[in-house]
Amino acid sequence: MDELQALDGFVLSPVDYCHVFTDCICSELKSFPTDAHWFCPKRRDDDFIDYAHPDEAEEEMSPDTKRELIHDAKRRHNVAYKYSIILGLDPEYTVGMRDDYVNRLNHLLKTCDKCGYNWHMGRKAYVKEITE
């Protein structure tokens, strides 16, 4: 994993690996704006900008800003998928982190059709990545 390159040559126990991995990804996940959607460009639930047409200016937003937000959403999408590995880790080592992740994920999948669609469409590529 890119996040662990600095530790190359060190032998980590499963517990230490769990902590290093989750701390690294968790800090990145928490760096996102609180209300930003993880799997689409929406900045908050009531963001009604049409991101499907990034080259069209809107009343509130330029095409450049739209493209920047789409780029940011792709990064959030990748990080949120990487963090999903927490679901397979021992709950003893992920106290609180798992619940926070699942609660936010459930909210996004229930309230945003784009997040739901992108979550499901991205699974195949993510599963392929983690199995390699």
N, C-alpha and C. Protein backbone atom coordinates (compact mmCIF):
# COMPACT_ATOMS: atom_id res chain seq x y z
N MET A 1 0.83 -1.17 0.00
CA MET A 1 0.00 0.00 0.00
C MET A 1 0.88 1.24 0.00
N ASP A 2 0.49 2.25 -0.77
CA ASP A 2 1.25 3.49 -0.81
C ASP A 2 1.37 4.13 0.56
N GLU A 3 0.33 4.01 1.36
CA GLU A 3 0.29 4.63 2.68
C GLU A 3 1.37 4.08 3.60
N LEU A 4 1.87 2.90 3.32
CA LEU A 4 2.81 2.25 4.21
C LEU A 4 4.22 2.16 3.65
N GLN A 5 4.51 2.86 2.57
CA GLN A 5 5.84 2.79 1.96
C GLN A 5 6.95 3.16 2.92
N ALA A 6 6.72 4.10 3.80
CA ALA A 6 7.75 4.54 4.73
C ALA A 6 8.13 3.44 5.70
N LEU A 7 7.30 2.42 5.82
CA LEU A 7 7.56 1.33 6.76
C LEU A 7 8.21 0.13 6.08
N ASP A 8 8.60 0.30 4.82
CA ASP A 8 9.20 -0.80 4.08
C ASP A 8 10.41 -1.35 4.84
N GLY A 9 10.46 -2.65 5.02
CA GLY A 9 11.57 -3.28 5.73
C GLY A 9 11.24 -3.59 7.18
N PHE A 10 10.20 -3.00 7.71
CA PHE A 10 9.79 -3.27 9.08
C PHE A 10 8.78 -4.40 9.09
N VAL A 11 8.80 -5.19 10.13
CA VAL A 11 7.82 -6.26 10.28
C VAL A 11 6.79 -5.79 11.29
N LEU A 12 5.55 -5.76 10.85
CA LEU A 12 4.48 -5.31 11.72
C LEU A 12 3.62 -6.48 12.14
N SER A 13 3.21 -6.47 13.37
CA SER A 13 2.24 -7.46 13.81
C SER A 13 0.89 -7.09 13.20
N PRO A 14 -0.06 -8.03 13.14
CA PRO A 14 -1.38 -7.68 12.61
C PRO A 14 -2.03 -6.52 13.36
N VAL A 15 -1.81 -6.46 14.67
CA VAL A 15 -2.39 -5.37 15.46
C VAL A 15 -1.76 -4.04 15.07
N ASP A 16 -0.42 -4.01 14.95
CA ASP A 16 0.26 -2.78 14.57
C ASP A 16 -0.13 -2.36 13.15
N TYR A 17 -0.21 -3.33 12.25
CA TYR A 17 -0.62 -3.03 10.88
C TYR A 17 -2.00 -2.40 10.88
N CYS A 18 -2.90 -2.99 11.65
CA CYS A 18 -4.27 -2.49 11.75
C CYS A 18 -4.26 -1.02 12.19
N HIS A 19 -3.48 -0.72 13.21
CA HIS A 19 -3.43 0.65 13.72
C HIS A 19 -2.81 1.62 12.72
N VAL A 20 -1.71 1.24 12.11
CA VAL A 20 -1.04 2.11 11.14
C VAL A 20 -1.96 2.37 9.96
N PHE A 21 -2.55 1.32 9.43
CA PHE A 21 -3.41 1.45 8.26
C PHE A 21 -4.64 2.31 8.57
N THR A 22 -5.35 1.97 9.64
CA THR A 22 -6.57 2.71 9.94
C THR A 22 -6.27 4.14 10.34
N ASP A 23 -5.17 4.38 11.06
CA ASP A 23 -4.83 5.76 11.43
C ASP A 23 -4.54 6.59 10.19
N CYS A 24 -3.79 6.03 9.27
CA CYS A 24 -3.41 6.75 8.04
C CYS A 24 -4.65 7.08 7.20
N ILE A 25 -5.44 6.07 6.92
CA ILE A 25 -6.64 6.27 6.09
C ILE A 25 -7.68 7.09 6.85
N CYS A 26 -7.81 6.84 8.14
CA CYS A 26 -8.78 7.57 8.95
C CYS A 26 -8.49 9.07 8.94
N SER A 27 -7.23 9.44 9.06
CA SER A 27 -6.91 10.87 9.06
C SER A 27 -7.24 11.49 7.71
N GLU A 28 -7.03 10.76 6.64
CA GLU A 28 -7.37 11.28 5.32
C GLU A 28 -8.89 11.41 5.16
N LEU A 29 -9.63 10.40 5.63
CA LEU A 29 -11.08 10.43 5.56
C LEU A 29 -11.62 11.61 6.38
N LYS A 30 -11.05 11.84 7.54
CA LYS A 30 -11.51 12.94 8.40
C LYS A 30 -11.10 14.31 7.87
N SER A 31 -10.17 14.35 6.93
CA SER A 31 -9.75 15.63 6.37
C SER A 31 -10.78 16.17 5.37
N PHE A 32 -11.72 15.34 4.96
CA PHE A 32 -12.75 15.79 4.02
C PHE A 32 -13.70 16.74 4.72
N PRO A 33 -14.30 17.66 3.97
CA PRO A 33 -15.34 18.49 4.57
C PRO A 33 -16.43 17.60 5.18
N THR A 34 -16.88 17.95 6.35
CA THR A 34 -17.80 17.12 7.12
C THR A 34 -19.02 16.65 6.34
N ASP A 35 -19.62 17.55 5.58
CA ASP A 35 -20.87 17.21 4.88
C ASP A 35 -20.67 16.71 3.46
N ALA A 36 -19.43 16.71 2.98
CA ALA A 36 -19.17 16.28 1.60
C ALA A 36 -19.53 14.81 1.42
N HIS A 37 -20.11 14.52 0.28
CA HIS A 37 -20.44 13.15 -0.05
C HIS A 37 -19.17 12.41 -0.45
N TRP A 38 -19.10 11.13 -0.12
CA TRP A 38 -17.90 10.35 -0.39
C TRP A 38 -17.84 9.81 -1.81
N PHE A 39 -18.98 9.59 -2.43
CA PHE A 39 -18.99 8.89 -3.72
C PHE A 39 -19.57 9.72 -4.86
N CYS A 40 -19.74 11.00 -4.63
CA CYS A 40 -20.17 11.92 -5.68
C CYS A 40 -19.66 13.31 -5.33
N PRO A 41 -19.74 14.27 -6.24
CA PRO A 41 -19.17 15.60 -5.99
C PRO A 41 -19.97 16.51 -5.05
N LYS A 42 -21.11 16.08 -4.58
CA LYS A 42 -21.92 16.96 -3.72
C LYS A 42 -21.14 17.42 -2.50
N ARG A 43 -21.27 18.70 -2.20
CA ARG A 43 -20.59 19.28 -1.05
C ARG A 43 -21.40 19.11 0.23
N ARG A 44 -22.67 18.86 0.07
CA ARG A 44 -23.60 18.67 1.19
C ARG A 44 -24.89 18.07 0.63
N ASP A 45 -25.77 17.64 1.48
CA ASP A 45 -27.01 16.99 1.03
C ASP A 45 -27.86 17.89 0.14
N ASP A 46 -27.87 19.18 0.41
CA ASP A 46 -28.73 20.08 -0.38
C ASP A 46 -27.99 20.77 -1.53
N ASP A 47 -26.96 20.14 -2.04
CA ASP A 47 -26.21 20.62 -3.19
C ASP A 47 -26.90 20.09 -4.45
N PHE A 48 -27.49 21.00 -5.23
CA PHE A 48 -28.26 20.57 -6.40
C PHE A 48 -27.58 20.95 -7.72
N ILE A 49 -26.29 21.14 -7.69
CA ILE A 49 -25.52 21.45 -8.91
C ILE A 49 -25.52 20.21 -9.81
N ASP A 50 -25.61 20.44 -11.12
CA ASP A 50 -25.59 19.34 -12.09
C ASP A 50 -24.14 19.02 -12.46
N TYR A 51 -23.56 18.05 -11.74
CA TYR A 51 -22.17 17.67 -11.99
C TYR A 51 -22.03 16.75 -13.20
N ALA A 52 -23.13 16.28 -13.74
CA ALA A 52 -23.09 15.42 -14.92
C ALA A 52 -22.65 16.20 -16.16
N HIS A 53 -22.73 17.51 -16.09
CA HIS A 53 -22.33 18.36 -17.21
C HIS A 53 -21.30 19.37 -16.69
N PRO A 54 -20.07 18.92 -16.51
CA PRO A 54 -19.05 19.78 -15.88
C PRO A 54 -18.65 21.01 -16.71
N ASP A 55 -18.89 21.01 -17.99
CA ASP A 55 -18.48 22.13 -18.82
C ASP A 55 -19.53 23.23 -18.92
N GLU A 56 -20.67 23.00 -18.29
CA GLU A 56 -21.73 24.01 -18.31
C GLU A 56 -21.70 24.81 -17.02
N ALA A 57 -21.57 26.12 -17.16
CA ALA A 57 -21.60 27.00 -15.99
C ALA A 57 -23.02 27.02 -15.41
N GLU A 58 -23.09 27.24 -14.12
CA GLU A 58 -24.38 27.38 -13.46
C GLU A 58 -24.37 28.69 -12.70
N GLU A 59 -25.52 29.05 -12.22
CA GLU A 59 -25.67 30.31 -11.51
C GLU A 59 -24.64 30.48 -10.40
N GLU A 60 -24.41 29.43 -9.66
CA GLU A 60 -23.54 29.49 -8.49
C GLU A 60 -22.12 29.01 -8.74
N MET A 61 -21.84 28.44 -9.92
CA MET A 61 -20.56 27.75 -10.07
C MET A 61 -20.03 27.77 -11.50
N SER A 62 -18.73 27.96 -11.59
CA SER A 62 -18.06 27.95 -12.90
C SER A 62 -17.73 26.51 -13.29
N PRO A 63 -17.49 26.27 -14.57
CA PRO A 63 -17.07 24.93 -14.99
C PRO A 63 -15.77 24.48 -14.33
N ASP A 64 -14.85 25.41 -14.10
CA ASP A 64 -13.58 25.05 -13.45
C ASP A 64 -13.82 24.54 -12.03
N THR A 65 -14.69 25.20 -11.32
CA THR A 65 -15.01 24.77 -9.95
C THR A 65 -15.70 23.41 -9.97
N LYS A 66 -16.59 23.21 -10.92
CA LYS A 66 -17.25 21.90 -11.05
C LYS A 66 -16.23 20.80 -11.27
N ARG A 67 -15.30 21.03 -12.19
CA ARG A 67 -14.28 20.01 -12.47
C ARG A 67 -13.41 19.75 -11.25
N GLU A 68 -13.10 20.77 -10.51
CA GLU A 68 -12.31 20.61 -9.28
C GLU A 68 -13.07 19.77 -8.25
N LEU A 69 -14.36 20.03 -8.11
CA LEU A 69 -15.16 19.25 -7.16
C LEU A 69 -15.32 17.80 -7.61
N ILE A 70 -15.39 17.57 -8.90
CA ILE A 70 -15.46 16.20 -9.43
C ILE A 70 -14.15 15.48 -9.13
N HIS A 71 -13.03 16.17 -9.31
CA HIS A 71 -11.72 15.59 -8.99
C HIS A 71 -11.64 15.25 -7.50
N ASP A 72 -12.08 16.16 -6.65
CA ASP A 72 -12.08 15.91 -5.20
C ASP A 72 -12.95 14.72 -4.85
N ALA A 73 -14.07 14.57 -5.53
CA ALA A 73 -14.98 13.45 -5.26
C ALA A 73 -14.32 12.12 -5.60
N LYS A 74 -13.55 12.09 -6.66
CA LYS A 74 -12.85 10.85 -7.02
C LYS A 74 -11.85 10.46 -5.93
N ARG A 75 -11.19 11.43 -5.37
CA ARG A 75 -10.26 11.16 -4.27
C ARG A 75 -11.01 10.65 -3.05
N ARG A 76 -12.12 11.30 -2.70
CA ARG A 76 -12.92 10.84 -1.55
C ARG A 76 -13.42 9.42 -1.78
N HIS A 77 -13.84 9.14 -3.00
CA HIS A 77 -14.34 7.82 -3.36
C HIS A 77 -13.27 6.76 -3.09
N ASN A 78 -12.06 7.01 -3.56
CA ASN A 78 -10.96 6.05 -3.37
C ASN A 78 -10.63 5.86 -1.90
N VAL A 79 -10.57 6.94 -1.16
CA VAL A 79 -10.23 6.85 0.26
C VAL A 79 -11.34 6.13 1.03
N ALA A 80 -12.58 6.45 0.74
CA ALA A 80 -13.69 5.80 1.44
C ALA A 80 -13.73 4.30 1.14
N TYR A 81 -13.39 3.92 -0.08
CA TYR A 81 -13.30 2.49 -0.41
C TYR A 81 -12.16 1.83 0.35
N LYS A 82 -10.99 2.47 0.38
CA LYS A 82 -9.86 1.91 1.12
C LYS A 82 -10.22 1.73 2.59
N TYR A 83 -10.91 2.70 3.13
CA TYR A 83 -11.26 2.64 4.55
C TYR A 83 -12.28 1.54 4.83
N SER A 84 -12.99 1.10 3.83
CA SER A 84 -13.99 0.04 4.05
C SER A 84 -13.36 -1.24 4.55
N ILE A 85 -12.06 -1.36 4.42
CA ILE A 85 -11.37 -2.55 4.94
C ILE A 85 -11.57 -2.66 6.45
N ILE A 86 -11.90 -1.56 7.09
CA ILE A 86 -12.14 -1.57 8.53
C ILE A 86 -13.26 -2.54 8.90
N LEU A 87 -14.15 -2.79 7.96
CA LEU A 87 -15.27 -3.70 8.22
C LEU A 87 -14.79 -5.13 8.43
N GLY A 88 -13.63 -5.46 7.90
CA GLY A 88 -13.09 -6.81 8.04
C GLY A 88 -12.08 -6.96 9.15
N LEU A 89 -11.76 -5.87 9.84
CA LEU A 89 -10.78 -5.92 10.92
C LEU A 89 -11.45 -6.25 12.24
N ASP A 90 -10.68 -6.75 13.17
CA ASP A 90 -11.18 -7.11 14.49
C ASP A 90 -11.79 -5.88 15.16
N PRO A 91 -13.06 -5.96 15.56
CA PRO A 91 -13.72 -4.81 16.20
C PRO A 91 -13.00 -4.30 17.44
N GLU A 92 -12.24 -5.16 18.07
CA GLU A 92 -11.48 -4.76 19.27
C GLU A 92 -10.50 -3.64 18.94
N TYR A 93 -9.96 -3.63 17.72
CA TYR A 93 -8.96 -2.65 17.34
C TYR A 93 -9.54 -1.46 16.58
N THR A 94 -10.81 -1.49 16.31
CA THR A 94 -11.42 -0.41 15.52
C THR A 94 -12.59 0.23 16.26
N VAL A 95 -12.50 0.25 17.57
CA VAL A 95 -13.57 0.80 18.40
C VAL A 95 -13.93 2.21 17.94
N GLY A 96 -15.19 2.44 17.70
CA GLY A 96 -15.69 3.75 17.29
C GLY A 96 -15.52 4.05 15.82
N MET A 97 -14.38 3.68 15.24
CA MET A 97 -14.12 4.01 13.84
C MET A 97 -15.09 3.29 12.92
N ARG A 98 -15.36 2.04 13.23
CA ARG A 98 -16.27 1.25 12.40
C ARG A 98 -17.67 1.86 12.41
N ASP A 99 -18.16 2.19 13.61
CA ASP A 99 -19.51 2.76 13.71
C ASP A 99 -19.62 4.09 12.97
N ASP A 100 -18.61 4.95 13.12
CA ASP A 100 -18.63 6.24 12.42
C ASP A 100 -18.68 6.03 10.91
N TYR A 101 -17.87 5.10 10.42
CA TYR A 101 -17.82 4.82 8.99
C TYR A 101 -19.17 4.28 8.49
N VAL A 102 -19.67 3.28 9.18
CA VAL A 102 -20.93 2.65 8.76
C VAL A 102 -22.09 3.62 8.82
N ASN A 103 -22.14 4.45 9.83
CA ASN A 103 -23.24 5.42 9.94
C ASN A 103 -23.22 6.42 8.79
N ARG A 104 -22.04 6.95 8.48
CA ARG A 104 -21.94 7.91 7.38
C ARG A 104 -22.21 7.23 6.04
N LEU A 105 -21.66 6.04 5.86
CA LEU A 105 -21.88 5.29 4.63
C LEU A 105 -23.37 5.01 4.43
N ASN A 106 -24.03 4.53 5.47
CA ASN A 106 -25.46 4.24 5.37
C ASN A 106 -26.26 5.49 5.03
N HIS A 107 -25.90 6.60 5.64
CA HIS A 107 -26.60 7.85 5.34
C HIS A 107 -26.46 8.19 3.86
N LEU A 108 -25.24 8.13 3.34
CA LEU A 108 -25.00 8.49 1.95
C LEU A 108 -25.71 7.54 0.99
N LEU A 109 -25.67 6.25 1.28
CA LEU A 109 -26.30 5.27 0.39
C LEU A 109 -27.82 5.36 0.41
N LYS A 110 -28.38 5.80 1.53
CA LYS A 110 -29.83 5.92 1.64
C LYS A 110 -30.36 7.23 1.08
N THR A 111 -29.55 8.29 1.10
CA THR A 111 -30.07 9.60 0.74
C THR A 111 -29.58 10.14 -0.60
N CYS A 112 -28.55 9.53 -1.17
CA CYS A 112 -27.99 10.07 -2.42
C CYS A 112 -27.92 8.97 -3.48
N ASP A 113 -28.72 9.12 -4.51
CA ASP A 113 -28.73 8.12 -5.57
C ASP A 113 -27.39 8.03 -6.29
N LYS A 114 -26.70 9.16 -6.45
CA LYS A 114 -25.39 9.14 -7.12
C LYS A 114 -24.36 8.39 -6.27
N CYS A 115 -24.36 8.62 -4.96
CA CYS A 115 -23.43 7.89 -4.09
C CYS A 115 -23.72 6.39 -4.13
N GLY A 116 -24.99 6.04 -4.07
CA GLY A 116 -25.37 4.63 -4.14
C GLY A 116 -24.92 3.99 -5.44
N TYR A 117 -25.16 4.68 -6.53
CA TYR A 117 -24.77 4.17 -7.84
C TYR A 117 -23.25 4.01 -7.93
N ASN A 118 -22.52 5.06 -7.55
CA ASN A 118 -21.06 5.02 -7.65
C ASN A 118 -20.44 4.00 -6.69
N TRP A 119 -21.03 3.82 -5.53
CA TRP A 119 -20.55 2.80 -4.58
C TRP A 119 -20.63 1.42 -5.23
N HIS A 120 -21.78 1.12 -5.80
CA HIS A 120 -21.97 -0.20 -6.39
C HIS A 120 -21.17 -0.39 -7.67
N MET A 121 -21.05 0.64 -8.47
CA MET A 121 -20.31 0.52 -9.72
C MET A 121 -18.80 0.42 -9.48
N GLY A 122 -18.32 0.92 -8.37
CA GLY A 122 -16.90 0.89 -8.09
C GLY A 122 -16.42 -0.35 -7.36
N ARG A 123 -17.35 -1.18 -6.91
CA ARG A 123 -16.96 -2.35 -6.11
C ARG A 123 -16.06 -3.31 -6.86
N LYS A 124 -16.38 -3.60 -8.10
CA LYS A 124 -15.62 -4.60 -8.86
C LYS A 124 -14.15 -4.20 -8.97
N ALA A 125 -13.89 -2.94 -9.31
CA ALA A 125 -12.50 -2.46 -9.44
C ALA A 125 -11.80 -2.48 -8.08
N TYR A 126 -12.51 -2.14 -7.03
CA TYR A 126 -11.90 -2.13 -5.69
C TYR A 126 -11.57 -3.55 -5.24
N VAL A 127 -12.48 -4.47 -5.43
CA VAL A 127 -12.22 -5.86 -5.04
C VAL A 127 -11.03 -6.40 -5.82
N LYS A 128 -10.95 -6.07 -7.08
CA LYS A 128 -9.80 -6.51 -7.90
C LYS A 128 -8.51 -5.93 -7.32
N GLU A 129 -8.53 -4.66 -6.93
CA GLU A 129 -7.34 -4.00 -6.39
C GLU A 129 -6.87 -4.66 -5.10
N ILE A 130 -7.77 -4.97 -4.19
CA ILE A 130 -7.34 -5.52 -2.91
C ILE A 130 -6.96 -6.98 -2.99
N THR A 131 -7.38 -7.67 -4.04
CA THR A 131 -7.01 -9.08 -4.18
C THR A 131 -5.66 -9.25 -4.87
N GLU A 132 -5.14 -8.19 -5.44
CA GLU A 132 -3.85 -8.29 -6.14
C GLU A 132 -2.69 -8.09 -5.22
